[in-house]
């Protein structure tokens, strides 16, 4: 807008009725900059898995103590639940369950 007004001489510029004042443009710009820097940011990383899926992994681990995290992952795939083996391992680790099949003494 400022570049266009430079092309017009001062007498014609005085006769023009502008719909937007320079003060309005500056106010809009200030709001735009403020909105960019004050918006809440998302947390880094992937979103957590649903609680129902987490409970299913823990239930499978408790009911089948001889299964490791890879076996639990395979059973979940058989049930139609796509979940990585490392995610199963993390869920078990956070719950305080050993992700290896040596959780119990079955001998």
PDB file of N, CA and C in Angstrom:
ATOM      1  N   UNK A   1       0.825  -1.170   0.000  1.00  0.00           N
ATOM      2  CA  UNK A   1       0.000   0.000   0.000  1.00  0.00           C
ATOM      3  C   UNK A   1       0.881   1.249   0.000  1.00  0.00           C
ATOM      4  N   UNK A   2       1.951   1.200   0.790  1.00  0.00           N
ATOM      5  CA  UNK A   2       2.845   2.354   0.841  1.00  0.00           C
ATOM      6  C   UNK A   2       3.535   2.552  -0.497  1.00  0.00           C
ATOM      7  N   UNK A   3       3.876   1.469  -1.188  1.00  0.00           N
ATOM      8  CA  UNK A   3       4.533   1.589  -2.489  1.00  0.00           C
ATOM      9  C   UNK A   3       3.592   2.199  -3.520  1.00  0.00           C
ATOM     10  N   UNK A   4       2.332   1.842  -3.462  1.00  0.00           N
ATOM     11  CA  UNK A   4       1.369   2.419  -4.405  1.00  0.00           C
ATOM     12  C   UNK A   4       1.151   3.898  -4.141  1.00  0.00           C
ATOM     13  N   UNK A   5       1.126   4.294  -2.883  1.00  0.00           N
ATOM     14  CA  UNK A   5       0.908   5.701  -2.558  1.00  0.00           C
ATOM     15  C   UNK A   5       2.092   6.567  -2.976  1.00  0.00           C
ATOM     16  N   UNK A   6       3.279   6.008  -3.064  1.00  0.00           N
ATOM     17  CA  UNK A   6       4.440   6.769  -3.510  1.00  0.00           C
ATOM     18  C   UNK A   6       4.320   7.157  -4.977  1.00  0.00           C
ATOM     19  N   UNK A   7       3.627   6.344  -5.745  1.00  0.00           N
ATOM     20  CA  UNK A   7       3.475   6.631  -7.164  1.00  0.00           C
ATOM     21  C   UNK A   7       2.497   7.784  -7.413  1.00  0.00           C
ATOM     22  N   UNK A   8       1.665   8.076  -6.447  1.00  0.00           N
ATOM     23  CA  UNK A   8       0.683   9.150  -6.563  1.00  0.00           C
ATOM     24  C   UNK A   8       1.297  10.409  -5.944  1.00  0.00           C
ATOM     25  N   UNK A   9       1.111  11.574  -6.613  1.00  0.00           N
ATOM     26  CA  UNK A   9       1.689  12.797  -6.035  1.00  0.00           C
ATOM     27  C   UNK A   9       0.899  13.226  -4.811  1.00  0.00           C
ATOM     28  N   UNK A  10       1.421  14.187  -4.071  1.00  0.00           N
ATOM     29  CA  UNK A  10       0.846  14.572  -2.784  1.00  0.00           C
ATOM     30  C   UNK A  10      -0.550  15.183  -2.921  1.00  0.00           C
ATOM     31  N   UNK A  11      -0.784  15.916  -3.981  1.00  0.00           N
ATOM     32  CA  UNK A  11      -2.095  16.541  -4.146  1.00  0.00           C
ATOM     33  C   UNK A  11      -3.176  15.481  -4.397  1.00  0.00           C
ATOM     34  N   UNK A  12      -2.854  14.510  -5.224  1.00  0.00           N
ATOM     35  CA  UNK A  12      -3.824  13.444  -5.484  1.00  0.00           C
ATOM     36  C   UNK A  12      -3.994  12.556  -4.251  1.00  0.00           C
ATOM     37  N   UNK A  13      -2.917  12.373  -3.525  1.00  0.00           N
ATOM     38  CA  UNK A  13      -2.974  11.530  -2.318  1.00  0.00           C
ATOM     39  C   UNK A  13      -3.886  12.159  -1.269  1.00  0.00           C
ATOM     40  N   UNK A  14      -3.851  13.486  -1.176  1.00  0.00           N
ATOM     41  CA  UNK A  14      -4.695  14.175  -0.202  1.00  0.00           C
ATOM     42  C   UNK A  14      -6.166  14.028  -0.561  1.00  0.00           C
ATOM     43  N   UNK A  15      -6.470  13.905  -1.863  1.00  0.00           N
ATOM     44  CA  UNK A  15      -7.860  13.778  -2.300  1.00  0.00           C
ATOM     45  C   UNK A  15      -8.387  12.337  -2.186  1.00  0.00           C
ATOM     46  N   UNK A  16      -7.472  11.403  -2.076  1.00  0.00           N
ATOM     47  CA  UNK A  16      -7.905   9.998  -1.977  1.00  0.00           C
ATOM     48  C   UNK A  16      -8.512   9.715  -0.612  1.00  0.00           C
ATOM     49  N   UNK A  17      -9.531   8.906  -0.628  1.00  0.00           N
ATOM     50  CA  UNK A  17     -10.119   8.449   0.619  1.00  0.00           C
ATOM     51  C   UNK A  17      -9.670   7.003   0.794  1.00  0.00           C
ATOM     52  N   UNK A  18      -8.855   6.792   1.787  1.00  0.00           N
ATOM     53  CA  UNK A  18      -8.339   5.448   2.026  1.00  0.00           C
ATOM     54  C   UNK A  18      -9.275   4.673   2.943  1.00  0.00           C
ATOM     55  N   UNK A  19      -9.488   3.442   2.599  1.00  0.00           N
ATOM     56  CA  UNK A  19     -10.339   2.588   3.433  1.00  0.00           C
ATOM     57  C   UNK A  19      -9.599   2.115   4.670  1.00  0.00           C
ATOM     58  N   UNK A  20      -8.285   2.069   4.557  1.00  0.00           N
ATOM     59  CA  UNK A  20      -7.471   1.571   5.659  1.00  0.00           C
ATOM     60  C   UNK A  20      -6.418   2.622   5.978  1.00  0.00           C
ATOM     61  N   UNK A  21      -6.297   2.938   7.237  1.00  0.00           N
ATOM     62  CA  UNK A  21      -5.265   3.898   7.626  1.00  0.00           C
ATOM     63  C   UNK A  21      -3.967   3.153   7.928  1.00  0.00           C
ATOM     64  N   UNK A  22      -2.845   3.828   7.843  1.00  0.00           N
ATOM     65  CA  UNK A  22      -1.590   3.163   8.191  1.00  0.00           C
ATOM     66  C   UNK A  22      -1.571   2.641   9.621  1.00  0.00           C
ATOM     67  N   UNK A  23      -2.259   3.339  10.516  1.00  0.00           N
ATOM     68  CA  UNK A  23      -2.327   2.883  11.906  1.00  0.00           C
ATOM     69  C   UNK A  23      -3.036   1.517  11.986  1.00  0.00           C
ATOM     70  N   UNK A  24      -4.061   1.314  11.167  1.00  0.00           N
ATOM     71  CA  UNK A  24      -4.768   0.023  11.151  1.00  0.00           C
ATOM     72  C   UNK A  24      -3.841  -1.092  10.682  1.00  0.00           C
ATOM     73  N   UNK A  25      -3.064  -0.816   9.655  1.00  0.00           N
ATOM     74  CA  UNK A  25      -2.135  -1.829   9.149  1.00  0.00           C
ATOM     75  C   UNK A  25      -1.117  -2.198  10.221  1.00  0.00           C
ATOM     76  N   UNK A  26      -0.586  -1.210  10.929  1.00  0.00           N
ATOM     77  CA  UNK A  26       0.375  -1.496  11.995  1.00  0.00           C
ATOM     78  C   UNK A  26      -0.267  -2.298  13.131  1.00  0.00           C
ATOM     79  N   UNK A  27      -1.519  -1.962  13.458  1.00  0.00           N
ATOM     80  CA  UNK A  27      -2.225  -2.697  14.516  1.00  0.00           C
ATOM     81  C   UNK A  27      -2.443  -4.156  14.104  1.00  0.00           C
ATOM     82  N   UNK A  28      -2.834  -4.375  12.844  1.00  0.00           N
ATOM     83  CA  UNK A  28      -3.024  -5.741  12.348  1.00  0.00           C
ATOM     84  C   UNK A  28      -1.721  -6.515  12.401  1.00  0.00           C
ATOM     85  N   UNK A  29      -0.661  -5.873  12.015  1.00  0.00           N
ATOM     86  CA  UNK A  29       0.641  -6.550  12.026  1.00  0.00           C
ATOM     87  C   UNK A  29       1.053  -6.908  13.454  1.00  0.00           C
ATOM     88  N   UNK A  30       0.844  -5.989  14.386  1.00  0.00           N
ATOM     89  CA  UNK A  30       1.191  -6.259  15.782  1.00  0.00           C
ATOM     90  C   UNK A  30       0.382  -7.437  16.332  1.00  0.00           C
ATOM     91  N   UNK A  31      -0.900  -7.496  15.996  1.00  0.00           N
ATOM     92  CA  UNK A  31      -1.728  -8.631  16.443  1.00  0.00           C
ATOM     93  C   UNK A  31      -1.253  -9.942  15.833  1.00  0.00           C
ATOM     94  N   UNK A  32      -0.889  -9.902  14.567  1.00  0.00           N
ATOM     95  CA  UNK A  32      -0.410 -11.103  13.892  1.00  0.00           C
ATOM     96  C   UNK A  32       0.865 -11.626  14.549  1.00  0.00           C
ATOM     97  N   UNK A  33       1.791 -10.734  14.835  1.00  0.00           N
ATOM     98  CA  UNK A  33       3.047 -11.134  15.477  1.00  0.00           C
ATOM     99  C   UNK A  33       2.775 -11.655  16.885  1.00  0.00           C
ATOM    100  N   UNK A  34       1.903 -10.978  17.624  1.00  0.00           N
ATOM    101  CA  UNK A  34       1.587 -11.424  18.983  1.00  0.00           C
ATOM    102  C   UNK A  34       0.931 -12.794  18.976  1.00  0.00           C
ATOM    103  N   UNK A  35       0.040 -13.057  18.024  1.00  0.00           N
ATOM    104  CA  UNK A  35      -0.625 -14.358  17.945  1.00  0.00           C
ATOM    105  C   UNK A  35       0.356 -15.469  17.610  1.00  0.00           C
ATOM    106  N   UNK A  36       1.322 -15.163  16.766  1.00  0.00           N
ATOM    107  CA  UNK A  36       2.299 -16.180  16.384  1.00  0.00           C
ATOM    108  C   UNK A  36       3.143 -16.608  17.577  1.00  0.00           C
ATOM    109  N   UNK A  37       3.543 -15.677  18.412  1.00  0.00           N
ATOM    110  CA  UNK A  37       4.462 -16.006  19.496  1.00  0.00           C
ATOM    111  C   UNK A  37       3.782 -16.361  20.798  1.00  0.00           C
ATOM    112  N   UNK A  38       2.472 -16.205  20.905  1.00  0.00           N
ATOM    113  CA  UNK A  38       1.799 -16.524  22.158  1.00  0.00           C
ATOM    114  C   UNK A  38       0.902 -17.747  22.060  1.00  0.00           C
ATOM    115  N   UNK A  39       0.834 -18.385  20.908  1.00  0.00           N
ATOM    116  CA  UNK A  39      -0.047 -19.551  20.791  1.00  0.00           C
ATOM    117  C   UNK A  39       0.570 -20.733  21.536  1.00  0.00           C
ATOM    118  N   UNK A  40      -0.236 -21.583  22.150  1.00  0.00           N
ATOM    119  CA  UNK A  40       0.307 -22.739  22.865  1.00  0.00           C
ATOM    120  C   UNK A  40       0.927 -23.740  21.900  1.00  0.00           C
ATOM    121  N   UNK A  41       2.024 -24.302  22.289  1.00  0.00           N
ATOM    122  CA  UNK A  41       2.736 -25.266  21.462  1.00  0.00           C
ATOM    123  C   UNK A  41       2.338 -26.675  21.862  1.00  0.00           C
ATOM    124  N   UNK A  42       2.437 -27.581  20.893  1.00  0.00           N
ATOM    125  CA  UNK A  42       2.169 -28.988  21.193  1.00  0.00           C
ATOM    126  C   UNK A  42       3.366 -29.588  21.910  1.00  0.00           C
ATOM    127  N   UNK A  43       3.112 -30.613  22.681  1.00  0.00           N
ATOM    128  CA  UNK A  43       4.197 -31.303  23.359  1.00  0.00           C
ATOM    129  C   UNK A  43       5.033 -32.048  22.335  1.00  0.00           C
ATOM    130  N   UNK A  44       6.323 -32.148  22.559  1.00  0.00           N
ATOM    131  CA  UNK A  44       7.157 -32.865  21.591  1.00  0.00           C
ATOM    132  C   UNK A  44       6.917 -34.372  21.677  1.00  0.00           C
ATOM    133  N   UNK A  45       7.180 -35.054  20.593  1.00  0.00           N
ATOM    134  CA  UNK A  45       7.057 -36.502  20.566  1.00  0.00           C
ATOM    135  C   UNK A  45       5.708 -36.981  20.080  1.00  0.00           C
ATOM    136  N   UNK A  46       5.574 -38.277  20.082  1.00  0.00           N
ATOM    137  CA  UNK A  46       4.325 -38.881  19.625  1.00  0.00           C
ATOM    138  C   UNK A  46       3.259 -38.813  20.703  1.00  0.00           C
ATOM    139  N   UNK A  47       2.012 -38.805  20.309  1.00  0.00           N
ATOM    140  CA  UNK A  47       0.955 -38.840  21.323  1.00  0.00           C
ATOM    141  C   UNK A  47       0.924 -40.201  22.008  1.00  0.00           C
ATOM    142  N   UNK A  48       0.497 -40.248  23.263  1.00  0.00           N
ATOM    143  CA  UNK A  48       0.482 -41.525  23.976  1.00  0.00           C
ATOM    144  C   UNK A  48      -0.548 -42.494  23.392  1.00  0.00           C
ATOM    145  N   UNK A  49      -0.316 -43.772  23.606  1.00  0.00           N
ATOM    146  CA  UNK A  49      -1.248 -44.803  23.147  1.00  0.00           C
ATOM    147  C   UNK A  49      -2.506 -44.773  24.010  1.00  0.00           C
ATOM    148  N   UNK A  50      -3.630 -45.221  23.466  1.00  0.00           N
ATOM    149  CA  UNK A  50      -4.876 -45.232  24.251  1.00  0.00           C
ATOM    150  C   UNK A  50      -4.739 -46.097  25.507  1.00  0.00           C
ATOM    151  N   UNK A  51      -5.425 -45.685  26.536  1.00  0.00           N
ATOM    152  CA  UNK A  51      -5.353 -46.397  27.822  1.00  0.00           C
ATOM    153  C   UNK A  51      -5.882 -47.823  27.698  1.00  0.00           C
ATOM    154  N   UNK A  52      -6.886 -48.051  26.866  1.00  0.00           N
ATOM    155  CA  UNK A  52      -7.447 -49.396  26.702  1.00  0.00           C
ATOM    156  C   UNK A  52      -6.404 -50.345  26.111  1.00  0.00           C
ATOM    157  N   UNK A  53      -5.597 -49.854  25.177  1.00  0.00           N
ATOM    158  CA  UNK A  53      -4.547 -50.676  24.579  1.00  0.00           C
ATOM    159  C   UNK A  53      -3.460 -50.976  25.603  1.00  0.00           C
ATOM    160  N   UNK A  54      -3.140 -49.988  26.419  1.00  0.00           N
ATOM    161  CA  UNK A  54      -2.140 -50.188  27.474  1.00  0.00           C
ATOM    162  C   UNK A  54      -2.622 -51.247  28.472  1.00  0.00           C
ATOM    163  N   UNK A  55      -3.894 -51.177  28.842  1.00  0.00           N
ATOM    164  CA  UNK A  55      -4.456 -52.160  29.777  1.00  0.00           C
ATOM    165  C   UNK A  55      -4.467 -53.563  29.171  1.00  0.00           C
ATOM    166  N   UNK A  56      -4.705 -53.660  27.863  1.00  0.00           N
ATOM    167  CA  UNK A  56      -4.696 -54.958  27.191  1.00  0.00           C
ATOM    168  C   UNK A  56      -3.308 -55.576  27.214  1.00  0.00           C
ATOM    169  N   UNK A  57      -2.274 -54.768  26.973  1.00  0.00           N
ATOM    170  CA  UNK A  57      -0.897 -55.271  27.017  1.00  0.00           C
ATOM    171  C   UNK A  57      -0.568 -55.779  28.422  1.00  0.00           C
ATOM    172  N   UNK A  58      -0.929 -55.017  29.434  1.00  0.00           N
ATOM    173  CA  UNK A  58      -0.643 -55.421  30.810  1.00  0.00           C
ATOM    174  C   UNK A  58      -1.432 -56.675  31.197  1.00  0.00           C
ATOM    175  N   UNK A  59      -2.654 -56.780  30.713  1.00  0.00           N
ATOM    176  CA  UNK A  59      -3.457 -57.977  31.013  1.00  0.00           C
ATOM    177  C   UNK A  59      -2.848 -59.220  30.373  1.00  0.00           C
ATOM    178  N   UNK A  60      -2.410 -59.094  29.111  1.00  0.00           N
ATOM    179  CA  UNK A  60      -1.770 -60.227  28.444  1.00  0.00           C
ATOM    180  C   UNK A  60      -0.486 -60.637  29.173  1.00  0.00           C
ATOM    181  N   UNK A  61       0.264 -59.669  29.659  1.00  0.00           N
ATOM    182  CA  UNK A  61       1.507 -59.972  30.377  1.00  0.00           C
ATOM    183  C   UNK A  61       1.231 -60.667  31.709  1.00  0.00           C
ATOM    184  N   UNK A  62       0.175 -60.232  32.406  1.00  0.00           N
ATOM    185  CA  UNK A  62      -0.154 -60.856  33.695  1.00  0.00           C
ATOM    186  C   UNK A  62      -0.719 -62.255  33.531  1.00  0.00           C
ATOM    187  N   UNK A  63      -1.583 -62.450  32.535  1.00  0.00           N
ATOM    188  CA  UNK A  63      -2.226 -63.750  32.358  1.00  0.00           C
ATOM    189  C   UNK A  63      -1.316 -64.786  31.707  1.00  0.00           C
ATOM    190  N   UNK A  64      -0.270 -64.337  31.017  1.00  0.00           N
ATOM    191  CA  UNK A  64       0.652 -65.246  30.345  1.00  0.00           C
ATOM    192  C   UNK A  64       2.083 -64.891  30.741  1.00  0.00           C
ATOM    193  N   UNK A  65       2.510 -65.335  31.917  1.00  0.00           N
ATOM    194  CA  UNK A  65       3.813 -64.901  32.417  1.00  0.00           C
ATOM    195  C   UNK A  65       5.001 -65.413  31.599  1.00  0.00           C
ATOM    196  N   UNK A  66       4.828 -66.407  30.785  1.00  0.00           N
ATOM    197  CA  UNK A  66       5.928 -66.930  29.991  1.00  0.00           C
ATOM    198  C   UNK A  66       6.150 -66.177  28.687  1.00  0.00           C
ATOM    199  N   UNK A  67       5.268 -65.256  28.359  1.00  0.00           N
ATOM    200  CA  UNK A  67       5.382 -64.527  27.110  1.00  0.00           C
ATOM    201  C   UNK A  67       6.300 -63.330  27.278  1.00  0.00           C
ATOM    202  N   UNK A  68       7.129 -63.090  26.303  1.00  0.00           N
ATOM    203  CA  UNK A  68       7.952 -61.889  26.250  1.00  0.00           C
ATOM    204  C   UNK A  68       7.227 -60.799  25.487  1.00  0.00           C
ATOM    205  N   UNK A  69       7.876 -59.689  25.343  1.00  0.00           N
ATOM    206  CA  UNK A  69       7.214 -58.562  24.685  1.00  0.00           C
ATOM    207  C   UNK A  69       6.976 -58.822  23.204  1.00  0.00           C
ATOM    208  N   UNK A  70       7.829 -59.624  22.569  1.00  0.00           N
ATOM    209  CA  UNK A  70       7.616 -59.938  21.148  1.00  0.00           C
ATOM    210  C   UNK A  70       6.416 -60.873  20.961  1.00  0.00           C
ATOM    211  N   UNK A  71       6.237 -61.786  21.867  1.00  0.00           N
ATOM    212  CA  UNK A  71       5.077 -62.685  21.779  1.00  0.00           C
ATOM    213  C   UNK A  71       3.783 -61.907  22.016  1.00  0.00           C
ATOM    214  N   UNK A  72       3.818 -60.997  22.981  1.00  0.00           N
ATOM    215  CA  UNK A  72       2.640 -60.166  23.239  1.00  0.00           C
ATOM    216  C   UNK A  72       2.338 -59.315  22.004  1.00  0.00           C
ATOM    217  N   UNK A  73       3.382 -58.804  21.373  1.00  0.00           N
ATOM    218  CA  UNK A  73       3.206 -58.025  20.154  1.00  0.00           C
ATOM    219  C   UNK A  73       2.562 -58.874  19.059  1.00  0.00           C
ATOM    220  N   UNK A  74       3.008 -60.116  18.908  1.00  0.00           N
ATOM    221  CA  UNK A  74       2.418 -61.002  17.904  1.00  0.00           C
ATOM    222  C   UNK A  74       0.959 -61.299  18.177  1.00  0.00           C
ATOM    223  N   UNK A  75       0.619 -61.498  19.434  1.00  0.00           N
ATOM    224  CA  UNK A  75      -0.783 -61.750  19.788  1.00  0.00           C
ATOM    225  C   UNK A  75      -1.654 -60.520  19.508  1.00  0.00           C
ATOM    226  N   UNK A  76      -1.114 -59.342  19.770  1.00  0.00           N
ATOM    227  CA  UNK A  76      -1.861 -58.120  19.479  1.00  0.00           C
ATOM    228  C   UNK A  76      -2.085 -57.957  17.983  1.00  0.00           C
ATOM    229  N   UNK A  77      -1.076 -58.309  17.189  1.00  0.00           N
ATOM    230  CA  UNK A  77      -1.245 -58.264  15.733  1.00  0.00           C
ATOM    231  C   UNK A  77      -2.321 -59.241  15.283  1.00  0.00           C
ATOM    232  N   UNK A  78      -2.371 -60.417  15.937  1.00  0.00           N
ATOM    233  CA  UNK A  78      -3.413 -61.388  15.623  1.00  0.00           C
ATOM    234  C   UNK A  78      -4.805 -60.885  15.974  1.00  0.00           C
ATOM    235  N   UNK A  79      -4.873 -60.006  16.977  1.00  0.00           N
ATOM    236  CA  UNK A  79      -6.150 -59.412  17.370  1.00  0.00           C
ATOM    237  C   UNK A  79      -6.508 -58.196  16.520  1.00  0.00           C
ATOM    238  N   UNK A  80      -5.609 -57.826  15.618  1.00  0.00           N
ATOM    239  CA  UNK A  80      -5.871 -56.683  14.750  1.00  0.00           C
ATOM    240  C   UNK A  80      -5.397 -55.362  15.320  1.00  0.00           C
ATOM    241  N   UNK A  81      -4.597 -55.390  16.368  1.00  0.00           N
ATOM    242  CA  UNK A  81      -4.061 -54.173  16.978  1.00  0.00           C
ATOM    243  C   UNK A  81      -2.638 -53.972  16.508  1.00  0.00           C
ATOM    244  N   UNK A  82      -2.382 -52.908  15.779  1.00  0.00           N
ATOM    245  CA  UNK A  82      -1.028 -52.618  15.286  1.00  0.00           C
ATOM    246  C   UNK A  82      -0.279 -51.844  16.354  1.00  0.00           C
ATOM    247  N   UNK A  83       0.774 -52.443  16.846  1.00  0.00           N
ATOM    248  CA  UNK A  83       1.576 -51.842  17.900  1.00  0.00           C
ATOM    249  C   UNK A  83       2.985 -52.376  17.751  1.00  0.00           C
ATOM    250  N   UNK A  84       3.974 -51.529  17.841  1.00  0.00           N
ATOM    251  CA  UNK A  84       5.357 -51.955  17.698  1.00  0.00           C
ATOM    252  C   UNK A  84       5.829 -52.736  18.913  1.00  0.00           C
ATOM    253  N   UNK A  85       6.791 -53.620  18.680  1.00  0.00           N
ATOM    254  CA  UNK A  85       7.338 -54.418  19.783  1.00  0.00           C
ATOM    255  C   UNK A  85       8.008 -53.516  20.816  1.00  0.00           C
ATOM    256  N   UNK A  86       8.661 -52.464  20.353  1.00  0.00           N
ATOM    257  CA  UNK A  86       9.321 -51.563  21.299  1.00  0.00           C
ATOM    258  C   UNK A  86       8.295 -50.809  22.144  1.00  0.00           C
ATOM    259  N   UNK A  87       7.121 -50.552  21.592  1.00  0.00           N
ATOM    260  CA  UNK A  87       6.067 -49.890  22.366  1.00  0.00           C
ATOM    261  C   UNK A  87       5.543 -50.819  23.449  1.00  0.00           C
ATOM    262  N   UNK A  88       5.396 -52.095  23.126  1.00  0.00           N
ATOM    263  CA  UNK A  88       4.984 -53.084  24.134  1.00  0.00           C
ATOM    264  C   UNK A  88       6.034 -53.137  25.227  1.00  0.00           C
ATOM    265  N   UNK A  89       7.307 -53.137  24.835  1.00  0.00           N
ATOM    266  CA  UNK A  89       8.405 -53.175  25.797  1.00  0.00           C
ATOM    267  C   UNK A  89       8.343 -51.968  26.728  1.00  0.00           C
ATOM    268  N   UNK A  90       8.098 -50.776  26.169  1.00  0.00           N
ATOM    269  CA  UNK A  90       8.016 -49.561  26.989  1.00  0.00           C
ATOM    270  C   UNK A  90       6.847 -49.608  27.957  1.00  0.00           C
ATOM    271  N   UNK A  91       5.703 -50.102  27.503  1.00  0.00           N
ATOM    272  CA  UNK A  91       4.522 -50.189  28.369  1.00  0.00           C
ATOM    273  C   UNK A  91       4.807 -51.105  29.543  1.00  0.00           C
ATOM    274  N   UNK A  92       5.426 -52.252  29.278  1.00  0.00           N
ATOM    275  CA  UNK A  92       5.748 -53.187  30.352  1.00  0.00           C
ATOM    276  C   UNK A  92       6.778 -52.585  31.308  1.00  0.00           C
ATOM    277  N   UNK A  93       7.766 -51.913  30.763  1.00  0.00           N
ATOM    278  CA  UNK A  93       8.818 -51.319  31.587  1.00  0.00           C
ATOM    279  C   UNK A  93       8.249 -50.244  32.506  1.00  0.00           C
ATOM    280  N   UNK A  94       7.365 -49.380  31.981  1.00  0.00           N
ATOM    281  CA  UNK A  94       6.773 -48.321  32.798  1.00  0.00           C
ATOM    282  C   UNK A  94       5.875 -48.877  33.887  1.00  0.00           C
ATOM    283  N   UNK A  95       5.277 -50.032  33.634  1.00  0.00           N
ATOM    284  CA  UNK A  95       4.406 -50.661  34.631  1.00  0.00           C
ATOM    285  C   UNK A  95       5.201 -51.444  35.662  1.00  0.00           C
ATOM    286  N   UNK A  96       6.517 -51.524  35.476  1.00  0.00           N
ATOM    287  CA  UNK A  96       7.358 -52.248  36.426  1.00  0.00           C
ATOM    288  C   UNK A  96       7.377 -53.749  36.187  1.00  0.00           C
ATOM    289  N   UNK A  97       6.988 -54.180  35.008  1.00  0.00           N
ATOM    290  CA  UNK A  97       6.980 -55.597  34.660  1.00  0.00           C
ATOM    291  C   UNK A  97       8.195 -55.866  33.792  1.00  0.00           C
ATOM    292  N   UNK A  98       8.922 -56.938  34.122  1.00  0.00           N
ATOM    293  CA  UNK A  98      10.085 -57.292  33.326  1.00  0.00           C
ATOM    294  C   UNK A  98       9.617 -57.729  31.943  1.00  0.00           C
ATOM    295  N   UNK A  99      10.099 -57.072  30.859  1.00  0.00           N
ATOM    296  CA  UNK A  99       9.612 -57.414  29.530  1.00  0.00           C
ATOM    297  C   UNK A  99      10.141 -58.738  28.996  1.00  0.00           C
ATOM    298  N   UNK A 100      11.043 -59.391  29.706  1.00  0.00           N
ATOM    299  CA  UNK A 100      11.577 -60.669  29.263  1.00  0.00           C
ATOM    300  C   UNK A 100      10.733 -61.802  29.845  1.00  0.00           C
ATOM    301  N   UNK A 101      10.765 -62.981  29.233  1.00  0.00           N
ATOM    302  CA  UNK A 101       9.942 -64.075  29.765  1.00  0.00           C
ATOM    303  C   UNK A 101      10.443 -64.655  31.075  1.00  0.00           C
ATOM    304  N   UNK A 102      11.499 -64.164  31.635  1.00  0.00           N
ATOM    305  CA  UNK A 102      11.991 -64.677  32.918  1.00  0.00           C
ATOM    306  C   UNK A 102      11.298 -64.003  34.102  1.00  0.00           C
ATOM    307  N   UNK A 103      10.071 -63.534  33.919  1.00  0.00           N
ATOM    308  CA  UNK A 103       9.350 -62.858  35.002  1.00  0.00           C
ATOM    309  C   UNK A 103       9.023 -63.814  36.130  1.00  0.00           C
ATOM    310  N   UNK A 104       8.755 -65.062  35.785  1.00  0.00           N
ATOM    311  CA  UNK A 104       8.335 -66.012  36.818  1.00  0.00           C
ATOM    312  C   UNK A 104       9.230 -67.230  36.776  1.00  0.00           C
ATOM    313  N   UNK A 105       9.257 -67.941  37.870  1.00  0.00           N
ATOM    314  CA  UNK A 105       9.988 -69.197  37.929  1.00  0.00           C
ATOM    315  C   UNK A 105       9.010 -70.328  37.685  1.00  0.00           C
ATOM    316  N   UNK A 106       8.996 -70.817  36.452  1.00  0.00           N
ATOM    317  CA  UNK A 106       8.060 -71.886  36.126  1.00  0.00           C
ATOM    318  C   UNK A 106       8.742 -73.241  36.164  1.00  0.00           C
ATOM    319  N   UNK A 107      10.017 -73.286  36.523  1.00  0.00           N
ATOM    320  CA  UNK A 107      10.698 -74.577  36.580  1.00  0.00           C
ATOM    321  C   UNK A 107      10.435 -75.275  37.885  1.00  0.00           C
TER     322      UNK A 107
END
